[in-house]
Amino acid sequence: MSIRAANTFSLNDLAANLGIVVAGGLVAWLGANWPDLLVGAVVAGIAAWGGIEILRDAHGEQHNAVHGAGTPS
């Protein structure tokens, strides 16, 4: 679980850093501020999705630990 969470955090950081570079380039090129808002919203969505996935994994592992998934009845 913790390895998957670390991978998710790393991918979120990568998306955020690339988003910052892309947004900065678009703002400089277009002379408008909306690319920063758009890229920020996309990065926030990616971070939220990653957090949801981590919570789902944690819930699944907790459920398996409590209910003994994989053991014969």
C-alpha atoms as a PDB file:
ATOM      1  CA  MET A   1       0.000   0.000   0.000  1.00  0.00           C
ATOM      2  CA  SER A   2       2.683   2.510   0.969  1.00  0.00           C
ATOM      3  CA  ILE A   3       4.630   1.875  -2.257  1.00  0.00           C
ATOM      4  CA  ARG A   4       1.507   2.578  -4.330  1.00  0.00           C
ATOM      5  CA  ALA A   5       0.851   5.737  -2.307  1.00  0.00           C
ATOM      6  CA  ALA A   6       4.439   6.901  -2.806  1.00  0.00           C
ATOM      7  CA  ASN A   7       4.122   6.284  -6.549  1.00  0.00           C
ATOM      8  CA  THR A   8       0.862   8.236  -6.627  1.00  0.00           C
ATOM      9  CA  PHE A   9       2.430  11.139  -4.733  1.00  0.00           C
ATOM     10  CA  SER A  10       5.408  11.121  -7.106  1.00  0.00           C
ATOM     11  CA  LEU A  11       3.159  11.171 -10.177  1.00  0.00           C
ATOM     12  CA  ASN A  12       1.101  13.981  -8.648  1.00  0.00           C
ATOM     13  CA  ASP A  13       4.284  15.973  -8.036  1.00  0.00           C
ATOM     14  CA  LEU A  14       5.391  15.349 -11.609  1.00  0.00           C
ATOM     15  CA  ALA A  15       2.017  16.508 -12.949  1.00  0.00           C
ATOM     16  CA  ALA A  16       2.109  19.614 -10.773  1.00  0.00           C
ATOM     17  CA  ASN A  17       5.645  20.545 -11.816  1.00  0.00           C
ATOM     18  CA  LEU A  18       4.966  19.968 -15.499  1.00  0.00           C
ATOM     19  CA  GLY A  19       1.721  21.895 -15.131  1.00  0.00           C
ATOM     20  CA  ILE A  20       3.557  24.862 -13.657  1.00  0.00           C
ATOM     21  CA  VAL A  21       6.009  24.904 -16.548  1.00  0.00           C
ATOM     22  CA  VAL A  22       3.246  24.546 -19.160  1.00  0.00           C
ATOM     23  CA  ALA A  23       1.075  27.205 -17.527  1.00  0.00           C
ATOM     24  CA  GLY A  24       4.016  29.597 -17.255  1.00  0.00           C
ATOM     25  CA  GLY A  25       4.865  29.110 -20.904  1.00  0.00           C
ATOM     26  CA  LEU A  26       1.263  29.615 -21.994  1.00  0.00           C
ATOM     27  CA  VAL A  27       0.861  32.738 -19.856  1.00  0.00           C
ATOM     28  CA  ALA A  28       4.065  34.203 -21.308  1.00  0.00           C
ATOM     29  CA  TRP A  29       3.146  33.233 -24.865  1.00  0.00           C
ATOM     30  CA  LEU A  30      -0.504  34.278 -24.798  1.00  0.00           C
ATOM     31  CA  GLY A  31      -0.203  37.196 -22.395  1.00  0.00           C
ATOM     32  CA  ALA A  32      -3.297  35.970 -20.560  1.00  0.00           C
ATOM     33  CA  ASN A  33      -3.830  34.529 -17.084  1.00  0.00           C
ATOM     34  CA  TRP A  34      -6.430  31.858 -17.900  1.00  0.00           C
ATOM     35  CA  PRO A  35      -3.891  29.092 -18.725  1.00  0.00           C
ATOM     36  CA  ASP A  36      -2.654  29.265 -15.133  1.00  0.00           C
ATOM     37  CA  LEU A  37      -6.173  28.747 -13.803  1.00  0.00           C
ATOM     38  CA  LEU A  38      -6.908  25.955 -16.267  1.00  0.00           C
ATOM     39  CA  VAL A  39      -3.696  24.055 -15.573  1.00  0.00           C
ATOM     40  CA  GLY A  40      -4.148  24.564 -11.832  1.00  0.00           C
ATOM     41  CA  ALA A  41      -7.635  23.053 -12.017  1.00  0.00           C
ATOM     42  CA  VAL A  42      -6.332  20.053 -13.978  1.00  0.00           C
ATOM     43  CA  VAL A  43      -3.490  19.509 -11.497  1.00  0.00           C
ATOM     44  CA  ALA A  44      -5.961  19.766  -8.587  1.00  0.00           C
ATOM     45  CA  GLY A  45      -8.135  17.159 -10.286  1.00  0.00           C
ATOM     46  CA  ILE A  46      -5.186  14.819 -10.723  1.00  0.00           C
ATOM     47  CA  ALA A  47      -4.234  15.244  -7.050  1.00  0.00           C
ATOM     48  CA  ALA A  48      -7.819  14.620  -5.917  1.00  0.00           C
ATOM     49  CA  TRP A  49      -8.085  11.505  -8.087  1.00  0.00           C
ATOM     50  CA  GLY A  50      -4.795  10.189  -6.679  1.00  0.00           C
ATOM     51  CA  GLY A  51      -6.025  10.789  -3.129  1.00  0.00           C
ATOM     52  CA  ILE A  52      -9.253   8.927  -3.848  1.00  0.00           C
ATOM     53  CA  GLU A  53      -7.302   5.995  -5.263  1.00  0.00           C
ATOM     54  CA  ILE A  54      -5.107   5.863  -2.149  1.00  0.00           C
ATOM     55  CA  LEU A  55      -8.195   5.892   0.073  1.00  0.00           C
ATOM     56  CA  ARG A  56      -9.788   3.086  -1.983  1.00  0.00           C
ATOM     57  CA  ASP A  57      -6.634   0.990  -1.698  1.00  0.00           C
ATOM     58  CA  ALA A  58      -6.459   1.585   2.054  1.00  0.00           C
ATOM     59  CA  HIS A  59     -10.128   0.707   2.478  1.00  0.00           C
ATOM     60  CA  GLY A  60      -9.675  -2.482   0.454  1.00  0.00           C
ATOM     61  CA  GLU A  61      -6.674  -3.563   2.496  1.00  0.00           C
ATOM     62  CA  GLN A  62      -8.473  -2.804   5.743  1.00  0.00           C
ATOM     63  CA  HIS A  63     -11.523  -4.737   4.543  1.00  0.00           C
ATOM     64  CA  ASN A  64      -9.360  -7.734   3.591  1.00  0.00           C
ATOM     65  CA  ALA A  65      -7.592  -7.646   6.966  1.00  0.00           C
ATOM     66  CA  VAL A  66     -10.848  -7.530   8.926  1.00  0.00           C
ATOM     67  CA  HIS A  67     -12.840  -9.993   6.856  1.00  0.00           C
ATOM     68  CA  GLY A  68     -10.010 -12.359   5.989  1.00  0.00           C
ATOM     69  CA  ALA A  69     -10.334 -12.214   2.234  1.00  0.00           C
ATOM     70  CA  GLY A  70      -8.658 -15.094   0.504  1.00  0.00           C
ATOM     71  CA  THR A  71      -9.182 -17.560   3.342  1.00  0.00           C
ATOM     72  CA  PRO A  72     -11.557 -20.487   2.840  1.00  0.00           C
ATOM     73  CA  SER A  73     -14.870 -20.357   4.702  1.00  0.00           C
END
